[in-house]
Protein backbone atom coordinates (compact mmCIF):
# COMPACT_ATOMS: atom_id res chain seq x y z
CA MET A 1 0.31 0.32 -0.03
CA ASP A 2 1.61 3.17 -1.10
CA VAL A 3 1.46 6.24 1.39
CA ALA A 4 -0.60 9.09 -0.07
CA LEU A 5 1.15 12.27 -0.91
CA ASN A 6 1.13 15.40 1.95
CA ALA A 7 -2.07 16.93 1.36
CA GLN A 8 -0.48 20.32 2.34
CA PRO A 9 -1.29 23.46 0.50
CA ASP A 10 2.59 23.75 0.07
CA GLY A 11 3.69 19.52 -0.22
CA PRO A 12 4.05 18.00 -3.19
CA ALA A 13 0.71 17.32 -4.65
CA ALA A 14 1.10 21.29 -5.16
CA ASP A 15 3.96 20.61 -7.22
CA PRO A 16 2.34 19.03 -10.50
CA LEU A 17 5.83 17.35 -11.43
CA ALA A 18 6.19 15.81 -7.71
CA ALA A 19 2.54 14.79 -7.98
CA ARG A 20 3.29 13.16 -11.32
CA LEU A 21 6.46 11.37 -10.64
CA ALA A 22 4.59 9.99 -7.16
CA LEU A 23 1.63 8.35 -9.37
CA THR A 24 4.02 7.09 -12.16
CA TRP A 25 5.94 5.39 -8.99
CA LEU A 26 3.33 3.71 -7.89
CA GLY A 27 3.19 0.02 -8.45
CA VAL A 28 6.73 0.61 -11.00
CA ASP A 29 8.60 -2.48 -9.51
CA ALA A 30 9.78 -3.63 -6.00
CA THR A 31 12.49 -0.69 -5.43
CA PRO A 32 11.95 1.43 -2.17
CA ARG A 33 10.95 5.03 -3.45
CA LEU A 34 10.67 8.11 -1.38
CA ILE A 35 9.68 11.77 -1.98
CA CYS A 36 11.16 14.23 1.06
CA THR A 37 11.80 17.87 1.26
CA GLN A 38 15.12 19.51 1.65
CA CYS A 39 14.37 19.49 5.50
CA CYS A 40 14.33 15.47 5.61
CA SER A 41 10.55 15.64 5.89
CA LEU A 42 8.79 11.93 4.24
CA LEU A 43 6.11 13.30 1.99
CA TRP A 44 5.47 9.82 -0.15
CA THR A 45 6.77 6.16 -0.15
CA ASN A 46 5.80 3.51 -2.07
CA GLY A 47 5.01 0.53 -0.27
CA ALA A 48 8.21 -1.00 -0.95
CA GLY A 49 10.05 2.25 0.93
CA GLN A 50 7.47 1.82 3.87
CA ASP A 51 8.28 -1.63 4.43
CA ALA A 52 11.78 -0.68 4.27
CA LEU A 53 11.94 2.60 6.86
CA ALA A 54 9.72 0.19 9.16
CA ARG A 55 12.45 -2.33 9.43
CA GLY A 56 14.92 0.43 10.03
CA GLY A 57 19.23 -0.10 9.79
CA ALA A 58 20.92 2.45 7.63
CA LEU A 59 17.98 4.65 6.57
CA GLU A 60 14.86 5.46 9.17
CA LEU A 61 11.74 7.55 9.83
CA ARG A 62 11.73 9.10 13.21
CA ASP A 63 8.90 11.56 13.98
CA GLY A 64 8.35 11.77 10.25
CA LEU A 65 11.84 12.81 9.27
CA LEU A 66 14.12 10.63 7.92
CA GLN A 67 17.20 9.76 9.13
CA ALA A 68 19.95 7.54 9.51
CA GLY A 69 20.78 4.83 11.66
CA ASP A 70 24.38 6.34 13.17
CA ARG A 71 26.58 9.56 13.09
CA ASN A 72 28.40 8.66 10.09
CA GLY A 73 25.15 7.90 8.23
CA GLN A 74 23.58 10.90 9.21
CA TYR A 75 26.24 13.36 8.32
CA LEU A 76 26.61 11.24 4.74
CA PHE A 77 23.06 11.63 4.40
CA ALA A 78 22.32 15.19 5.33
CA ARG A 79 25.42 16.25 2.33
CA PHE A 80 23.57 13.78 -0.09
CA VAL A 81 20.14 15.58 0.45
CA ALA A 82 21.73 19.22 0.77
CA GLU A 83 23.53 18.52 -2.41
CA LEU A 84 20.96 17.39 -4.66
CA GLY A 85 19.54 19.07 -7.58
CA PRO A 86 18.35 18.29 -10.89
CA LEU A 87 21.14 16.04 -11.90
CA PRO A 88 21.18 12.65 -9.97
CA GLY A 89 23.15 12.05 -7.19
CA SER A 90 23.91 8.76 -4.81
CA VAL A 91 25.18 7.90 -1.24
CA ALA A 92 26.10 4.60 0.25
CA LEU A 93 24.80 4.51 4.06
CA PRO A 94 26.85 1.82 6.06
CA PHE A 95 24.17 -0.10 7.82
CA PRO A 96 24.86 0.65 11.38
CA ASP A 97 25.92 -3.43 11.99
CA GLY A 98 29.27 -2.70 9.38
CA ASP A 99 27.65 -5.56 7.20
CA GLY A 100 26.70 -3.81 3.85
CA HIS A 101 25.70 -0.64 2.53
CA LEU A 102 22.08 0.66 1.61
CA LEU A 103 22.78 2.67 -2.24
CA LEU A 104 20.77 5.73 -2.65
CA ARG A 105 19.99 7.49 -5.55
CA GLY A 106 18.03 10.80 -5.98
CA ARG A 107 17.53 14.36 -7.65
CA GLN A 108 15.61 17.30 -6.90
CA ILE A 109 11.84 16.94 -8.85
CA GLY A 110 10.11 19.79 -7.58
CA GLY A 111 9.92 23.10 -5.87
CA ASP A 112 11.13 26.21 -5.90
CA SER A 113 14.55 27.72 -4.52
CA GLY A 114 12.44 28.14 -1.48
CA SER A 115 11.19 24.55 -1.24
CA ARG A 116 12.59 21.83 -3.19
CA TYR A 117 10.84 17.95 -3.31
CA LEU A 118 13.89 15.14 -3.72
CA GLY A 119 13.16 11.79 -5.30
CA ILE A 120 15.15 9.43 -4.03
CA ALA A 121 15.20 5.27 -4.84
CA PHE A 122 17.39 3.05 -2.45
CA HIS A 123 17.87 -0.98 -1.71
CA PRO A 124 20.84 -2.46 0.66
CA THR A 125 23.56 -4.37 -0.93
CA GLY A 126 23.98 -8.05 -0.73
CA SER A 127 20.51 -8.68 -1.31
CA GLY A 128 20.51 -9.99 -4.75
CA PHE A 129 21.20 -6.88 -6.28
CA ARG A 130 24.00 -6.68 -9.19
CA ALA A 131 24.23 -3.54 -10.62
CA LEU A 132 25.94 -4.19 -14.26
CA TYR A 133 28.87 -1.28 -15.21
CA ALA A 134 29.54 -0.65 -18.66
CA ASP A 135 33.56 -0.74 -19.69
CA LEU A 136 34.41 0.27 -15.82
CA ASP A 137 37.34 -2.04 -15.79
CA LYS A 138 38.71 -0.80 -19.28
CA VAL A 139 38.48 2.97 -18.17
CA TYR A 140 40.57 2.79 -15.18
CA GLN A 141 42.20 -0.59 -16.47
CA LEU A 142 41.39 -2.66 -13.47
CA THR A 143 42.34 -6.34 -13.66
CA PRO A 144 40.44 -8.91 -13.38
CA ALA A 145 40.43 -9.62 -9.73
CA GLU A 146 40.58 -6.27 -9.03
CA TYR A 147 37.04 -5.83 -11.06
CA ARG A 148 35.66 -8.56 -8.77
CA VAL A 149 36.55 -7.16 -5.33
CA LEU A 150 34.76 -3.85 -6.76
CA GLY A 151 31.52 -6.13 -7.64
CA GLU A 152 32.02 -7.80 -3.78
CA MET A 153 32.51 -4.28 -2.66
CA ILE A 154 29.38 -2.86 -4.09
CA ASP A 155 27.25 -5.92 -2.95
CA GLY A 156 28.54 -4.17 0.53
CA ARG A 157 30.64 -6.85 1.67
CA THR A 158 33.47 -6.17 3.93
CA ALA A 159 37.21 -7.21 3.04
CA ASP A 160 37.04 -10.19 5.49
CA ALA A 161 34.06 -11.45 3.81
CA ILE A 162 35.55 -10.68 0.55
CA ALA A 163 38.62 -12.68 1.53
CA ARG A 164 36.73 -15.82 2.71
CA LEU A 165 34.28 -15.64 -0.58
CA MET A 166 37.38 -15.52 -3.10
CA LYS A 167 39.66 -17.69 -1.28
CA LEU A 168 42.14 -14.84 -0.53
CA SER A 169 44.17 -13.40 2.13
CA ILE A 170 42.73 -10.58 4.08
CA GLU A 171 45.99 -8.81 3.00
CA THR A 172 45.73 -9.53 -0.70
CA VAL A 173 41.73 -8.33 -0.97
CA ARG A 174 43.01 -5.51 1.00
CA SER A 175 46.16 -4.57 -1.59
CA HIS A 176 43.37 -4.99 -4.40
CA ILE A 177 40.65 -2.55 -3.09
CA ARG A 178 43.76 -0.06 -2.12
CA HIS A 179 44.92 -0.18 -6.04
CA ILE A 180 41.05 0.13 -6.49
CA TYR A 181 41.65 3.38 -4.59
CA SER A 182 44.49 4.66 -6.20
CA LYS A 183 43.16 4.04 -9.80
CA LEU A 184 39.87 5.43 -9.11
CA ARG A 185 41.32 8.29 -7.10
CA VAL A 186 39.10 7.96 -3.91
CA SER A 187 39.53 7.83 -0.45
CA SER A 188 36.23 6.16 1.19
CA ARG A 189 33.62 3.85 -0.27
CA GLU A 190 31.05 6.77 -0.37
CA GLU A 191 33.56 8.41 -3.12
CA LEU A 192 33.84 5.12 -4.92
CA PHE A 193 30.42 4.60 -5.32
CA SER A 194 29.71 8.18 -6.28
CA ARG A 195 32.64 7.79 -9.42
CA ILE A 196 31.13 4.46 -10.45
CA SER A 197 27.71 6.15 -10.83
CA PRO A 198 27.95 7.12 -14.11
CA PHE A 199 29.13 4.20 -15.24
CA ARG A 200 25.82 2.00 -14.04
CA LEU A 201 23.74 0.37 -17.09
């Protein structure tokens, strides 16, 4: 069941673009989706989004406001929301237990300079999600092993989990991760996900 649009005069129902997007998203697929204000006030979510927020974890609904599960995640989420504009942006919020990430992709969908509405789709890594990234290995000259490690990182696996899965030593996996970061010129997973998002098919 989809949560109805906020009926306030200045809510998204008053903005044709936001209302149209919400209607477009109704029953599209099982991807959790939501519309919020620039102040993180939830205005609308589909059923999958409502279920995901109720479970809590990396992103939760507290007193009508969207908040990350921990302090580091809250900083990343607040920065993500503040920087969203007409072009899509993305962020990876770590789960508080350290096992995986919640990937968010969003953009400004309506409002004016004083009041922006943001459309956000999100999903946890490691739950059957496997994005395809076109030519990422060729552009950044990743070795096959580095590309596989990168894929496991995208799925939210820790270095220890990758080492067990690939039957490598933890030192080898950490070396691959250092090479990936160096080749992509990033210093964190969040920067990594932002860097590779344009390559997603």
